[in-house]
Amino acid sequence: MRQAIASRFLILLSVFLLILSAGCESRSTTANTSPSGSNTSEQKAGEPTADAAGKPPADNAAPGATATPAPTAPAAPKDGNAEGAAKPSQAGEPAAQEAAVSAVQFISPTEGWAGGPGAVLHTKDGGVTWEKQYGGSGNVESFSFLNSSTGWALMRPLQGSGSPAQDGKPAPAVLLHTVNGGAKWTELTNSAPISKSFRFISEKEGFSGSRYTSDGGATWTSLPVPANIKGEPYYVSKDLGWAVTMKQPDYQIQLTKDGGKTWKTVWTHATVSQVTQAVIQATNAQDVWVLLIGESGMSQTSYTLLHSKDEGKAWKTVVAHSTAGGGPAPGYKTEEQVGPKGPGTKPGQLLAINSDTAYLFGECPPCGDYGTVSAGWTRDGGTTWTNGEQQIPGLNAQASFISDKQGFLLAGSSNMTSTLYKTEDGGKKWTAVQSFGKKGS
């Protein structure tokens, strides 16, 4: 009986050892099998081994050499840009940023155009980045855009090239036109007899002083002007226009309602100093702002800003700026101060926004290293006037406002790069947005 028990024990031990051996073989087989769902293919004997990037080693690798593992791609930073990847430019395309510009117009807080020698630039992010839309041989002086699609650009021959100025008038200009926001610019004429103050009021009608077009700028005709005119007239429409004349010892503000056939003096005033130039802007048929520019001396020019809301029946002296070098403000006597002084030592650009709001930029050529520009404004039709405290480096500034408080200002000089500034509080604070032109040029 003891032999029978021993036999059974040996049989059970043999079965146990067989089961244990089978389990070890199963685990060994599983360890050498690719995981389910893996794309790894079975490697055949004699085939080269691919590196971590899926590329085979070089055929001429030295025998026994160890392949260098492929570098691990760095993790993307939090801003979503992988390290080493191209990042959006914060200064615009190099060609755009390096273009020297002196003209600007915005139609919204984000979209605008800038121009200068051989360039029209375009922005859609408030002036931070720019693209070059057009390159030519002339200098782009100004723009007139009706909306985001339709606009014009005035380009004049660069100094020392093209047609020279004749009889003190600007050389004929090239007028460019776009109907797709500047994606394509078309030359309408290369002999436009107009100034940088040109403007369009519709797709067909435009004005520049006494010049008028009814075909979108392809051709221009002359409207009549009164004798002894100072500066350019301002035509609100083909029939309604304003002009300033000077006939000693008085200056006159004149109005036409029949396209210049007849002119009527609506305001006249004696003046000690000569009216040498005049700048006029009207915001509607009744409302007009008139800047009288007087005499100059010692980098100073005297000037007077007038305003009428009722077609010239009543006038308000908004600014009367007398200077030591230029003498009394036009229309007033020496030491007579009938209105507040304006910005700068000489007048710059006048921008009439509506019947209540107008901006006047003043320049001070001897101030700072390159001269300075400052802004003055009224928001109550000229009853009160404020001169801003901020002095912006540069001269020959050009501003563009999209509302009574939101605007852009481009300032620079021949010795410095031009810089675009913006304001959101009506000129109290100007913040630099972008600079243009090669430094040191």
Protein backbone atom coordinates (compact mmCIF):
# COMPACT_ATOMS: atom_id res chain seq x y z
CA MET A 1 0.00 0.00 0.00
CA ARG A 2 2.89 2.27 0.79
CA GLN A 3 4.18 1.59 -2.75
CA ALA A 4 0.85 2.65 -4.27
CA ILE A 5 0.87 5.97 -2.35
CA ALA A 6 4.44 6.68 -3.45
CA SER A 7 3.54 6.02 -7.05
CA ARG A 8 0.61 8.42 -6.90
CA PHE A 9 2.83 11.12 -5.33
CA LEU A 10 5.41 10.77 -8.10
CA ILE A 11 2.68 11.03 -10.76
CA LEU A 12 1.26 14.23 -9.20
CA LEU A 13 4.77 15.76 -8.89
CA SER A 14 5.47 15.03 -12.54
CA VAL A 15 2.21 16.71 -13.62
CA PHE A 16 3.01 19.78 -11.49
CA LEU A 17 6.49 20.11 -13.01
CA LEU A 18 5.06 19.83 -16.54
CA ILE A 19 2.50 22.60 -15.85
CA LEU A 20 5.18 24.87 -14.36
CA SER A 21 7.44 24.39 -17.39
CA ALA A 22 4.61 25.25 -19.83
CA GLY A 23 3.84 28.47 -17.95
CA CYS A 24 7.44 29.70 -18.18
CA GLU A 25 7.52 29.08 -21.92
CA SER A 26 4.25 31.05 -22.35
CA ARG A 27 5.63 34.09 -20.50
CA SER A 28 8.79 34.05 -22.61
CA THR A 29 6.77 34.01 -25.83
CA THR A 30 4.56 36.90 -24.68
CA ALA A 31 7.55 39.08 -23.80
CA ASN A 32 8.84 38.89 -27.40
CA THR A 33 5.52 39.83 -29.06
CA SER A 34 4.57 43.41 -30.12
CA PRO A 35 1.67 44.92 -28.14
CA SER A 36 -1.73 44.65 -29.72
CA GLY A 37 -2.44 47.65 -32.02
CA SER A 38 1.26 48.54 -32.49
CA ASN A 39 2.46 49.71 -35.97
CA THR A 40 5.83 48.06 -35.38
CA SER A 41 6.58 45.55 -38.15
CA GLU A 42 8.55 42.40 -37.69
CA GLN A 43 12.25 42.93 -38.33
CA LYS A 44 13.87 40.55 -40.74
CA ALA A 45 17.40 39.30 -40.39
CA GLY A 46 19.91 41.37 -42.37
CA GLU A 47 17.69 44.51 -42.65
CA PRO A 48 19.06 47.82 -41.29
CA THR A 49 17.47 49.15 -38.13
CA ALA A 50 15.55 52.46 -38.44
CA ASP A 51 16.39 55.28 -36.03
CA ALA A 52 13.90 57.02 -33.75
CA ALA A 53 12.76 59.34 -36.56
CA GLY A 54 12.03 56.48 -38.93
CA LYS A 55 15.18 57.10 -41.04
CA PRO A 56 17.64 54.28 -41.78
CA PRO A 57 21.28 54.84 -40.81
CA ALA A 58 23.69 56.03 -43.49
CA ASP A 59 24.98 53.36 -45.84
CA ASN A 60 28.59 54.48 -45.28
CA ALA A 61 28.47 54.30 -41.48
CA ALA A 62 31.70 52.99 -40.04
CA PRO A 63 31.61 49.35 -38.99
CA GLY A 64 30.86 49.05 -35.33
CA ALA A 65 29.77 52.68 -35.03
CA THR A 66 26.84 53.38 -32.71
CA ALA A 67 23.95 55.33 -34.21
CA THR A 68 23.24 58.63 -32.42
CA PRO A 69 19.66 58.71 -31.12
CA ALA A 70 17.40 61.33 -32.73
CA PRO A 71 16.86 64.37 -30.50
CA THR A 72 13.57 64.52 -28.71
CA ALA A 73 11.26 67.31 -29.94
CA PRO A 74 10.87 69.99 -27.24
CA ALA A 75 7.51 70.51 -25.66
CA ALA A 76 5.46 73.40 -27.00
CA PRO A 77 5.47 76.45 -24.73
CA LYS A 78 2.27 77.74 -23.20
CA ASP A 79 1.67 80.30 -25.95
CA GLY A 80 1.27 77.49 -28.45
CA ASN A 81 4.42 78.25 -30.52
CA ALA A 82 6.89 75.39 -30.64
CA GLU A 83 10.40 76.49 -29.75
CA GLY A 84 12.30 77.39 -32.90
CA ALA A 85 9.15 77.77 -34.97
CA ALA A 86 8.50 80.99 -36.90
CA LYS A 87 6.62 83.49 -34.75
CA PRO A 88 4.40 86.36 -35.91
CA SER A 89 6.45 89.49 -36.60
CA GLN A 90 5.89 92.32 -34.17
CA ALA A 91 7.44 94.91 -36.46
CA GLY A 92 5.87 94.03 -39.78
CA GLU A 93 7.65 92.71 -42.82
CA PRO A 94 11.20 94.09 -43.10
CA ALA A 95 10.43 95.80 -46.41
CA ALA A 96 7.37 97.46 -44.90
CA GLN A 97 8.98 98.52 -41.64
CA GLU A 98 12.02 100.01 -43.38
CA ALA A 99 9.95 102.19 -45.70
CA ALA A 100 10.10 105.86 -44.70
CA VAL A 101 6.53 107.17 -44.53
CA SER A 102 5.00 110.61 -43.99
CA ALA A 103 1.34 110.15 -44.97
CA VAL A 104 -1.34 108.27 -43.06
CA GLN A 105 -5.09 107.62 -43.03
CA PHE A 106 -7.14 105.29 -40.85
CA ILE A 107 -10.77 104.38 -41.42
CA SER A 108 -11.23 102.36 -38.22
CA PRO A 109 -9.32 101.67 -34.98
CA THR A 110 -7.59 98.76 -36.74
CA GLU A 111 -7.35 99.48 -40.48
CA GLY A 112 -5.26 102.16 -42.14
CA TRP A 113 -2.70 103.06 -44.80
CA ALA A 114 0.66 104.83 -44.70
CA GLY A 115 2.73 106.18 -47.58
CA GLY A 116 6.10 107.64 -48.41
CA PRO A 117 8.88 107.37 -51.02
CA GLY A 118 8.00 104.43 -53.26
CA ALA A 119 5.60 102.75 -50.85
CA VAL A 120 1.99 102.25 -49.82
CA LEU A 121 1.66 100.24 -46.61
CA HIS A 122 -1.45 98.67 -45.07
CA THR A 123 -2.34 97.57 -41.54
CA LYS A 124 -5.27 95.67 -40.05
CA ASP A 125 -4.16 95.63 -36.41
CA GLY A 126 -4.03 99.30 -35.51
CA GLY A 127 -0.57 99.95 -36.92
CA VAL A 128 1.41 97.24 -35.13
CA THR A 129 2.19 95.24 -38.27
CA TRP A 130 2.21 96.39 -41.91
CA GLU A 131 2.30 94.89 -45.39
CA LYS A 132 3.62 96.64 -48.48
CA GLN A 133 0.88 96.98 -51.09
CA TYR A 134 2.56 99.15 -53.70
CA GLY A 135 6.05 100.21 -54.72
CA GLY A 136 6.73 103.01 -57.18
CA SER A 137 9.25 105.69 -58.05
CA GLY A 138 7.40 108.62 -56.48
CA ASN A 139 6.55 109.88 -53.00
CA VAL A 140 3.08 109.09 -51.68
CA GLU A 141 1.90 112.34 -50.04
CA SER A 142 -1.68 111.68 -48.95
CA PHE A 143 -4.74 109.41 -49.11
CA SER A 144 -8.48 109.76 -49.45
CA PHE A 145 -10.46 106.62 -48.50
CA LEU A 146 -14.24 106.45 -48.54
CA ASN A 147 -14.36 103.03 -46.90
CA SER A 148 -12.27 99.87 -46.50
CA SER A 149 -12.41 99.16 -50.24
CA THR A 150 -12.40 102.43 -52.19
CA GLY A 151 -9.57 104.91 -51.94
CA TRP A 152 -7.03 107.09 -53.72
CA ALA A 153 -3.35 107.87 -53.12
CA LEU A 154 -1.48 110.93 -54.39
CA MET A 155 2.09 110.28 -55.51
CA ARG A 156 4.44 113.04 -56.66
CA PRO A 157 7.90 112.72 -58.29
CA LEU A 158 10.72 112.53 -55.77
CA GLN A 159 12.79 115.67 -55.34
CA GLY A 160 15.32 115.90 -58.15
CA SER A 161 13.32 113.71 -60.53
CA GLY A 162 10.28 114.06 -62.74
CA SER A 163 8.52 117.30 -63.54
CA PRO A 164 9.61 120.25 -61.41
CA ALA A 165 7.22 122.66 -59.75
CA GLN A 166 6.18 125.57 -61.94
CA ASP A 167 5.13 129.06 -60.82
CA GLY A 168 5.26 127.95 -57.21
CA LYS A 169 2.67 125.23 -57.81
CA PRO A 170 3.29 121.55 -57.04
CA ALA A 171 4.49 119.34 -59.86
CA PRO A 172 1.77 117.25 -61.59
CA ALA A 173 1.05 114.14 -59.57
CA VAL A 174 0.22 110.50 -60.17
CA LEU A 175 -3.18 109.58 -58.78
CA LEU A 176 -3.55 105.93 -57.75
CA HIS A 177 -6.91 104.24 -57.18
CA THR A 178 -8.05 101.03 -55.51
CA VAL A 179 -11.43 99.34 -55.22
CA ASN A 180 -10.28 96.36 -53.16
CA GLY A 181 -8.58 97.92 -50.16
CA GLY A 182 -5.21 98.25 -51.86
CA ALA A 183 -4.78 94.66 -53.01
CA LYS A 184 -4.39 96.30 -56.43
CA TRP A 185 -3.57 99.95 -57.17
CA THR A 186 -4.33 101.41 -60.61
CA GLU A 187 -2.79 104.60 -62.04
CA LEU A 188 -5.63 106.89 -63.10
CA THR A 189 -3.45 109.75 -64.38
CA ASN A 190 0.15 110.87 -64.17
CA SER A 191 -0.65 114.57 -64.53
CA ALA A 192 -3.19 115.33 -61.81
CA PRO A 193 -3.04 119.11 -61.10
CA ILE A 194 -3.96 118.69 -57.43
CA SER A 195 -2.47 119.19 -53.96
CA LYS A 196 -2.04 116.83 -51.01
CA SER A 197 -5.23 118.23 -49.47
CA PHE A 198 -7.37 116.50 -52.12
CA ARG A 199 -10.48 114.62 -50.96
CA PHE A 200 -13.27 112.54 -52.47
CA ILE A 201 -16.89 112.79 -51.33
CA SER A 202 -18.14 109.91 -53.49
CA GLU A 203 -16.77 107.34 -55.93
CA LYS A 204 -17.03 109.93 -58.69
CA GLU A 205 -16.75 113.39 -57.13
CA GLY A 206 -13.59 114.84 -55.65
CA PHE A 207 -12.04 118.23 -54.86
CA SER A 208 -8.58 119.72 -54.43
CA GLY A 209 -8.73 123.46 -53.91
CA SER A 210 -10.32 124.83 -57.07
CA ARG A 211 -9.94 121.52 -58.94
CA TYR A 212 -12.95 119.25 -59.43
CA THR A 213 -13.45 115.73 -60.83
CA SER A 214 -16.68 113.96 -61.69
CA ASP A 215 -15.14 110.79 -63.12
CA GLY A 216 -13.34 109.40 -60.09
CA GLY A 217 -10.11 111.33 -60.62
CA ALA A 218 -9.25 110.52 -64.22
CA THR A 219 -9.73 114.14 -65.31
CA TRP A 220 -9.90 117.45 -63.43
CA THR A 221 -11.43 120.82 -64.25
CA SER A 222 -11.00 124.25 -62.61
CA LEU A 223 -13.68 126.02 -60.59
CA PRO A 224 -13.60 129.84 -60.35
CA VAL A 225 -11.85 131.58 -57.43
CA PRO A 226 -12.04 135.23 -56.28
CA ALA A 227 -9.26 137.73 -56.87
CA ASN A 228 -6.52 138.18 -54.28
CA ILE A 229 -7.10 134.72 -52.84
CA LYS A 230 -4.81 133.42 -50.09
CA GLY A 231 -4.24 129.69 -50.01
CA GLU A 232 -6.72 127.28 -51.57
CA PRO A 233 -10.49 127.63 -51.67
CA TYR A 234 -12.58 124.90 -50.07
CA TYR A 235 -15.52 123.59 -52.07
CA VAL A 236 -18.07 121.70 -49.97
CA SER A 237 -19.92 120.78 -53.16
CA LYS A 238 -19.72 121.80 -56.79
CA ASP A 239 -21.85 124.85 -55.94
CA LEU A 240 -20.90 125.79 -52.37
CA GLY A 241 -17.40 127.03 -51.63
CA TRP A 242 -15.31 129.17 -49.26
CA ALA A 243 -12.24 131.37 -49.83
CA VAL A 244 -10.05 133.89 -47.98
CA THR A 245 -8.82 137.01 -49.75
CA MET A 246 -6.54 139.85 -48.71
CA LYS A 247 -7.05 143.45 -49.80
CA GLN A 248 -5.18 145.94 -47.66
CA PRO A 249 -5.81 146.74 -44.92
CA ASP A 250 -8.43 144.01 -44.49
CA TYR A 251 -8.81 140.31 -45.03
CA GLN A 252 -12.11 138.87 -46.25
CA ILE A 253 -13.86 135.51 -45.94
CA GLN A 254 -15.98 134.90 -49.01
CA LEU A 255 -18.74 132.44 -49.90
CA THR A 256 -20.08 131.19 -53.24
CA LYS A 257 -23.30 129.27 -53.85
CA ASP A 258 -23.16 129.11 -57.63
CA GLY A 259 -19.93 127.23 -58.25
CA GLY A 260 -17.67 130.27 -58.08
CA LYS A 261 -19.48 132.45 -60.58
CA THR A 262 -20.12 135.02 -57.86
CA TRP A 263 -18.54 135.49 -54.44
CA LYS A 264 -19.99 137.29 -51.43
CA THR A 265 -17.93 138.66 -48.53
CA VAL A 266 -19.48 137.31 -45.32
CA TRP A 267 -16.74 138.54 -42.94
CA THR A 268 -14.03 141.19 -43.13
CA HIS A 269 -11.60 142.53 -40.56
CA ALA A 270 -8.69 144.92 -40.49
CA THR A 271 -5.30 143.38 -39.80
CA VAL A 272 -1.86 144.69 -38.91
CA SER A 273 0.01 141.63 -40.16
CA GLN A 274 -0.49 140.17 -43.61
CA VAL A 275 -2.51 137.02 -44.18
CA THR A 276 -0.02 134.97 -46.15
CA GLN A 277 -1.96 131.71 -46.34
CA ALA A 278 -5.32 130.28 -45.31
CA VAL A 279 -6.56 126.76 -44.58
CA ILE A 280 -10.30 126.09 -44.67
CA GLN A 281 -12.31 123.04 -43.60
CA ALA A 282 -16.08 122.63 -43.57
CA THR A 283 -17.94 119.79 -41.87
CA ASN A 284 -21.30 120.57 -43.51
CA ALA A 285 -23.00 123.28 -45.55
CA GLN A 286 -23.34 125.58 -42.53
CA ASP A 287 -20.22 124.83 -40.50
CA VAL A 288 -16.77 126.17 -41.44
CA TRP A 289 -13.37 126.50 -39.72
CA VAL A 290 -10.82 129.01 -41.09
CA LEU A 291 -7.12 129.12 -40.17
CA LEU A 292 -5.47 132.45 -41.07
CA ILE A 293 -1.67 132.20 -41.28
CA GLY A 294 0.25 135.42 -40.72
CA GLU A 295 3.85 136.50 -40.95
CA SER A 296 6.96 134.58 -39.84
CA GLY A 297 10.31 135.23 -38.18
CA MET A 298 12.73 133.47 -35.82
CA SER A 299 11.10 130.06 -36.51
CA GLN A 300 7.77 131.53 -35.39
CA THR A 301 4.56 132.13 -37.31
CA SER A 302 1.48 133.97 -36.08
CA TYR A 303 -1.97 132.54 -36.76
CA THR A 304 -5.69 132.89 -36.01
CA LEU A 305 -8.40 130.20 -35.99
CA LEU A 306 -12.01 131.27 -36.64
CA HIS A 307 -15.26 129.26 -36.60
CA SER A 308 -18.81 129.79 -37.85
CA LYS A 309 -21.78 127.45 -37.42
CA ASP A 310 -24.30 129.50 -39.41
CA GLU A 311 -22.84 129.90 -42.90
CA GLY A 312 -20.69 132.85 -41.92
CA LYS A 313 -23.29 135.07 -40.24
CA ALA A 314 -21.48 134.96 -36.87
CA TRP A 315 -17.83 134.20 -36.16
CA LYS A 316 -15.95 133.10 -33.06
CA THR A 317 -12.23 133.63 -32.52
CA VAL A 318 -11.08 130.21 -31.34
CA VAL A 319 -7.32 130.89 -31.22
CA ALA A 320 -5.31 134.12 -31.61
CA HIS A 321 -1.63 133.17 -31.60
CA SER A 322 0.75 136.14 -31.71
CA THR A 323 4.52 135.59 -31.71
CA ALA A 324 7.60 137.77 -31.20
CA GLY A 325 9.01 136.72 -34.57
CA GLY A 326 5.80 136.79 -36.61
CA GLY A 327 4.01 139.70 -34.98
CA PRO A 328 0.35 139.91 -33.98
CA ALA A 329 -2.18 137.25 -34.91
CA PRO A 330 -3.97 138.09 -38.20
CA GLY A 331 -6.88 140.42 -37.56
CA TYR A 332 -5.55 141.85 -34.32
CA LYS A 333 -3.21 144.55 -33.10
CA THR A 334 0.11 144.18 -31.33
CA GLU A 335 -0.38 143.13 -27.68
CA GLU A 336 -4.11 142.54 -28.35
CA GLN A 337 -5.10 139.09 -27.07
CA VAL A 338 -8.73 138.29 -27.83
CA GLY A 339 -8.44 134.50 -27.75
CA PRO A 340 -6.25 131.78 -26.27
CA LYS A 341 -2.87 130.97 -27.74
CA GLY A 342 -2.54 127.79 -29.79
CA PRO A 343 0.03 124.99 -29.78
CA GLY A 344 3.64 125.24 -30.97
CA THR A 345 5.45 128.23 -32.42
CA LYS A 346 3.85 127.80 -35.85
CA PRO A 347 0.67 126.13 -37.12
CA GLY A 348 0.55 122.62 -38.52
CA GLN A 349 -2.40 120.52 -39.68
CA LEU A 350 -6.01 121.59 -39.08
CA LEU A 351 -8.56 118.79 -38.66
CA ALA A 352 -12.23 119.72 -38.28
CA ILE A 353 -14.18 116.69 -37.03
CA ASN A 354 -17.65 118.23 -36.67
CA SER A 355 -19.29 121.51 -35.65
CA ASP A 356 -18.08 121.06 -32.06
CA THR A 357 -14.71 119.35 -32.34
CA ALA A 358 -11.58 120.49 -34.15
CA TYR A 359 -7.86 119.78 -33.73
CA LEU A 360 -4.93 122.00 -34.60
CA PHE A 361 -1.38 120.67 -34.46
CA GLY A 362 1.43 123.08 -33.72
CA GLU A 363 5.11 122.71 -34.49
CA CYS A 364 8.21 124.01 -32.73
CA PRO A 365 11.23 123.64 -35.07
CA PRO A 366 13.90 124.72 -32.53
CA CYS A 367 12.56 122.50 -29.73
CA GLY A 368 14.37 119.27 -28.87
CA ASP A 369 16.83 117.57 -31.20
CA TYR A 370 14.48 117.28 -34.18
CA GLY A 371 11.69 119.73 -33.39
CA THR A 372 8.43 118.85 -31.66
CA VAL A 373 4.73 118.54 -32.44
CA SER A 374 1.86 119.15 -30.02
CA ALA A 375 -1.92 119.15 -30.29
CA GLY A 376 -4.62 121.62 -29.33
CA TRP A 377 -8.38 121.12 -29.49
CA THR A 378 -11.88 122.33 -28.77
CA ARG A 379 -14.94 120.20 -28.08
CA ASP A 380 -17.50 122.97 -27.73
CA GLY A 381 -17.28 124.75 -31.05
CA GLY A 382 -14.48 127.04 -29.95
CA THR A 383 -15.91 128.41 -26.71
CA THR A 384 -12.93 126.88 -24.88
CA TRP A 385 -9.56 125.70 -26.14
CA THR A 386 -7.03 123.23 -24.66
CA ASN A 387 -3.37 122.80 -25.58
CA GLY A 388 -1.98 119.35 -24.87
CA GLU A 389 1.12 119.04 -22.73
CA GLN A 390 2.79 116.17 -24.59
CA GLN A 391 5.59 117.16 -26.97
CA ILE A 392 6.16 114.58 -29.73
CA PRO A 393 9.57 114.50 -31.46
CA GLY A 394 9.54 115.43 -35.14
CA LEU A 395 7.94 117.86 -37.59
CA ASN A 396 5.61 117.81 -40.60
CA ALA A 397 3.11 115.68 -38.69
CA GLN A 398 0.05 114.21 -40.35
CA ALA A 399 -2.94 113.08 -38.29
CA SER A 400 -6.00 110.96 -39.01
CA PHE A 401 -8.99 110.81 -36.66
CA ILE A 402 -11.74 108.19 -36.84
CA SER A 403 -13.90 109.80 -34.14
CA ASP A 404 -13.84 112.90 -31.97
CA LYS A 405 -11.40 111.21 -29.55
CA GLN A 406 -9.73 108.31 -31.42
CA GLY A 407 -6.91 109.21 -33.76
CA PHE A 408 -3.43 108.51 -35.12
CA LEU A 409 -0.47 110.83 -35.65
CA LEU A 410 2.61 110.27 -37.83
CA ALA A 411 5.61 112.45 -36.99
CA GLY A 412 9.26 112.47 -38.08
CA SER A 413 11.89 114.51 -39.87
CA SER A 414 14.64 114.14 -42.46
CA ASN A 415 17.08 113.28 -39.66
CA MET A 416 15.03 110.69 -37.80
CA THR A 417 12.72 107.77 -38.39
CA SER A 418 9.01 108.51 -38.43
CA THR A 419 6.82 107.15 -35.65
CA LEU A 420 3.11 106.39 -35.56
CA TYR A 421 1.27 107.39 -32.38
CA LYS A 422 -2.32 106.82 -31.32
CA THR A 423 -4.68 108.53 -28.88
CA GLU A 424 -7.92 107.31 -27.37
CA ASP A 425 -8.63 110.32 -25.17
CA GLY A 426 -8.73 113.13 -27.71
CA GLY A 427 -5.05 114.03 -27.74
CA LYS A 428 -4.28 114.18 -24.02
CA LYS A 429 -2.02 111.13 -24.27
CA TRP A 430 -0.24 109.80 -27.37
CA THR A 431 1.24 106.28 -27.34
CA ALA A 432 3.89 105.13 -29.83
CA VAL A 433 2.70 102.23 -31.98
CA GLN A 434 5.35 101.66 -34.67
CA SER A 435 8.45 103.29 -36.20
CA PHE A 436 9.29 103.42 -39.90
CA GLY A 437 12.48 103.89 -41.90
CA LYS A 438 15.98 102.52 -41.51
CA LYS A 439 17.69 103.83 -38.40
CA GLY A 440 20.57 106.14 -39.20
CA SER A 441 19.26 106.81 -42.68
